[in-house]
């Protein structure tokens, strides 16, 4: 099957993100029959309570939540107004809620900064700050791509960050 045939069926046409998820699925020791590799439902739903049922289902079905990120940490452009209801903000806010309310263990991998940012959480979009703070507070592991990202997060008080590299490095764990 060609990539063109597969990509429209996936949550993201970004093949790099597909590799992150696949790599984590390969290295996390778990029962594959009792596990799920999927996107979380309702992340883009702005309605209050939209995450209640998905979180309830996660808590009833799973004991761990493994999250794969990319270069998610970026400065909010000062010239743009902050819109907490745009789809990206809604997704970040809802994911932060999942991380806070999930009763099992949370593991986060792959967070990164692509462009250097002054060490100030106030430069980030509030929804991104909320997600980073939720992961820092609730995750067992807050894996980041490189030492610059870890240093930045530590400088702004998010001290759980540990450098593990890009998850795609582990797509072939036997190698």
Protein backbone atom coordinates (compact mmCIF):
# COMPACT_ATOMS: atom_id res chain seq x y z
CA UNK A 1 0.00 0.00 0.00
CA UNK A 2 1.34 3.45 -0.86
CA UNK A 3 1.71 6.31 1.62
CA UNK A 4 -0.89 8.24 -0.36
CA UNK A 5 -3.40 5.46 0.20
CA UNK A 6 -2.74 5.30 3.94
CA UNK A 7 -2.29 8.95 4.91
CA UNK A 8 -5.87 10.16 4.39
CA UNK A 9 -7.06 7.54 6.89
CA UNK A 10 -4.72 8.68 9.67
CA UNK A 11 -5.19 11.47 12.19
CA UNK A 12 -2.17 13.35 10.86
CA UNK A 13 -0.70 13.55 7.37
CA UNK A 14 2.65 14.34 9.06
CA UNK A 15 4.62 11.12 8.61
CA UNK A 16 7.09 12.20 11.29
CA UNK A 17 4.29 12.13 13.85
CA UNK A 18 3.23 8.70 12.62
CA UNK A 19 6.79 7.43 13.19
CA UNK A 20 6.82 8.85 16.76
CA UNK A 21 3.67 6.95 17.65
CA UNK A 22 4.86 3.75 16.00
CA UNK A 23 8.24 3.95 17.76
CA UNK A 24 6.63 4.36 21.17
CA UNK A 25 4.27 1.48 20.48
CA UNK A 26 7.30 -0.70 19.75
CA UNK A 27 9.32 0.18 22.84
CA UNK A 28 6.63 0.37 25.52
CA UNK A 29 6.35 -2.98 27.23
CA UNK A 30 2.64 -3.78 27.35
CA UNK A 31 0.01 -6.30 26.40
CA UNK A 32 -0.80 -5.36 22.79
CA UNK A 33 -4.24 -7.00 23.04
CA UNK A 34 -5.15 -4.75 25.97
CA UNK A 35 -3.59 -1.61 24.49
CA UNK A 36 -4.66 0.95 21.96
CA UNK A 37 -2.66 3.08 19.56
CA UNK A 38 -5.00 5.88 18.66
CA UNK A 39 -5.84 9.52 18.93
CA UNK A 40 -7.95 10.70 21.81
CA UNK A 41 -11.55 11.49 20.85
CA UNK A 42 -13.12 14.93 21.30
CA UNK A 43 -9.83 16.85 21.65
CA UNK A 44 -11.10 19.42 19.19
CA UNK A 45 -14.54 19.74 20.79
CA UNK A 46 -14.83 23.13 22.53
CA UNK A 47 -18.01 22.28 24.44
CA UNK A 48 -17.77 22.21 28.26
CA UNK A 49 -17.65 18.62 29.46
CA UNK A 50 -16.58 17.31 26.04
CA UNK A 51 -13.77 15.33 27.64
CA UNK A 52 -15.83 13.76 30.43
CA UNK A 53 -16.84 10.59 28.55
CA UNK A 54 -13.43 10.00 26.90
CA UNK A 55 -11.63 10.46 30.23
CA UNK A 56 -14.10 8.14 31.94
CA UNK A 57 -13.44 5.52 29.22
CA UNK A 58 -9.66 5.95 29.54
CA UNK A 59 -9.82 5.55 33.31
CA UNK A 60 -12.01 2.44 33.01
CA UNK A 61 -9.88 0.80 30.32
CA UNK A 62 -6.21 1.70 30.78
CA UNK A 63 -3.59 1.99 33.49
CA UNK A 64 -1.19 4.17 31.48
CA UNK A 65 -1.32 6.93 28.92
CA UNK A 66 1.66 7.40 26.59
CA UNK A 67 1.79 10.73 24.78
CA UNK A 68 3.97 11.51 21.78
CA UNK A 69 4.81 15.11 20.96
CA UNK A 70 7.01 16.91 18.47
CA UNK A 71 8.33 20.47 18.53
CA UNK A 72 5.29 21.65 20.46
CA UNK A 73 7.02 24.32 22.56
CA UNK A 74 6.90 27.60 20.66
CA UNK A 75 6.50 31.27 21.40
CA UNK A 76 3.08 32.75 20.81
CA UNK A 77 3.50 35.52 18.22
CA UNK A 78 3.07 38.82 20.09
CA UNK A 79 1.23 40.35 17.14
CA UNK A 80 -1.51 37.69 17.29
CA UNK A 81 -4.37 37.96 19.76
CA UNK A 82 -4.85 35.01 22.07
CA UNK A 83 -7.87 32.99 20.99
CA UNK A 84 -8.68 30.29 23.54
CA UNK A 85 -11.43 28.92 21.30
CA UNK A 86 -9.45 28.22 18.15
CA UNK A 87 -9.03 24.49 17.32
CA UNK A 88 -5.35 24.30 18.36
CA UNK A 89 -6.05 25.95 21.74
CA UNK A 90 -9.04 23.71 22.32
CA UNK A 91 -6.96 20.60 21.57
CA UNK A 92 -4.18 21.67 23.97
CA UNK A 93 -6.65 22.62 26.71
CA UNK A 94 -8.53 19.35 26.39
CA UNK A 95 -5.34 17.30 26.39
CA UNK A 96 -4.21 19.10 29.57
CA UNK A 97 -7.53 18.11 31.12
CA UNK A 98 -6.97 14.47 30.13
CA UNK A 99 -3.50 14.51 31.68
CA UNK A 100 -4.82 16.04 34.92
CA UNK A 101 -7.82 13.73 35.27
CA UNK A 102 -6.35 10.42 34.09
CA UNK A 103 -5.96 8.16 37.14
CA UNK A 104 -3.25 5.93 35.70
CA UNK A 105 0.35 6.76 34.93
CA UNK A 106 1.14 9.33 32.24
CA UNK A 107 4.30 9.20 30.14
CA UNK A 108 5.23 12.00 27.76
CA UNK A 109 7.85 11.77 25.02
CA UNK A 110 9.30 13.95 22.28
CA UNK A 111 8.55 17.50 23.42
CA UNK A 112 10.91 19.94 21.80
CA UNK A 113 11.76 23.55 21.08
CA UNK A 114 12.75 24.22 17.51
CA UNK A 115 13.47 27.96 17.82
CA UNK A 116 15.19 29.43 20.88
CA UNK A 117 12.81 31.23 23.25
CA UNK A 118 13.59 33.54 26.15
CA UNK A 119 13.10 31.64 29.44
CA UNK A 120 9.62 32.94 30.20
CA UNK A 121 6.46 30.81 30.30
CA UNK A 122 4.49 34.00 29.68
CA UNK A 123 5.70 33.99 26.07
CA UNK A 124 3.76 30.79 25.36
CA UNK A 125 0.09 30.53 24.49
CA UNK A 126 -1.88 29.99 27.74
CA UNK A 127 -3.26 26.65 26.49
CA UNK A 128 0.28 25.39 25.81
CA UNK A 129 1.42 26.57 29.25
CA UNK A 130 -1.51 24.68 30.78
CA UNK A 131 -0.53 21.48 28.97
CA UNK A 132 3.15 21.78 29.91
CA UNK A 133 2.26 22.40 33.56
CA UNK A 134 -0.16 19.44 33.58
CA UNK A 135 2.48 17.12 32.11
CA UNK A 136 5.13 18.40 34.52
CA UNK A 137 2.81 17.81 37.48
CA UNK A 138 1.21 14.50 36.52
CA UNK A 139 3.58 12.60 34.23
CA UNK A 140 5.94 9.93 35.47
CA UNK A 141 8.28 10.86 32.63
CA UNK A 142 8.42 14.15 30.73
CA UNK A 143 10.75 13.10 27.93
CA UNK A 144 12.12 15.87 25.72
CA UNK A 145 14.13 15.84 22.49
CA UNK A 146 17.34 17.51 23.57
CA UNK A 147 19.31 19.21 26.33
CA UNK A 148 18.27 22.70 25.16
CA UNK A 149 14.61 21.86 25.65
CA UNK A 150 15.29 20.27 29.05
CA UNK A 151 17.33 23.29 30.16
CA UNK A 152 14.63 25.73 29.02
CA UNK A 153 11.89 23.81 30.82
CA UNK A 154 13.98 23.63 34.01
CA UNK A 155 14.68 27.38 33.79
CA UNK A 156 10.94 28.11 33.74
CA UNK A 157 10.26 25.76 36.67
CA UNK A 158 9.11 22.63 34.81
CA UNK A 159 11.68 20.36 36.39
CA UNK A 160 10.50 16.88 35.40
CA UNK A 161 11.93 17.27 31.89
CA UNK A 162 14.56 14.70 30.99
CA UNK A 163 16.41 14.44 27.69
CA UNK A 164 15.50 11.21 25.89
CA UNK A 165 15.72 12.27 22.25
CA UNK A 166 13.16 12.06 19.49
CA UNK A 167 10.91 8.99 19.80
CA UNK A 168 11.62 8.15 16.15
CA UNK A 169 15.14 7.15 17.25
CA UNK A 170 13.53 4.05 18.73
CA UNK A 171 11.45 2.94 15.75
CA UNK A 172 13.69 -0.12 15.47
CA UNK A 173 14.47 -1.02 19.10
CA UNK A 174 16.30 -4.23 18.16
CA UNK A 175 18.93 -2.34 16.15
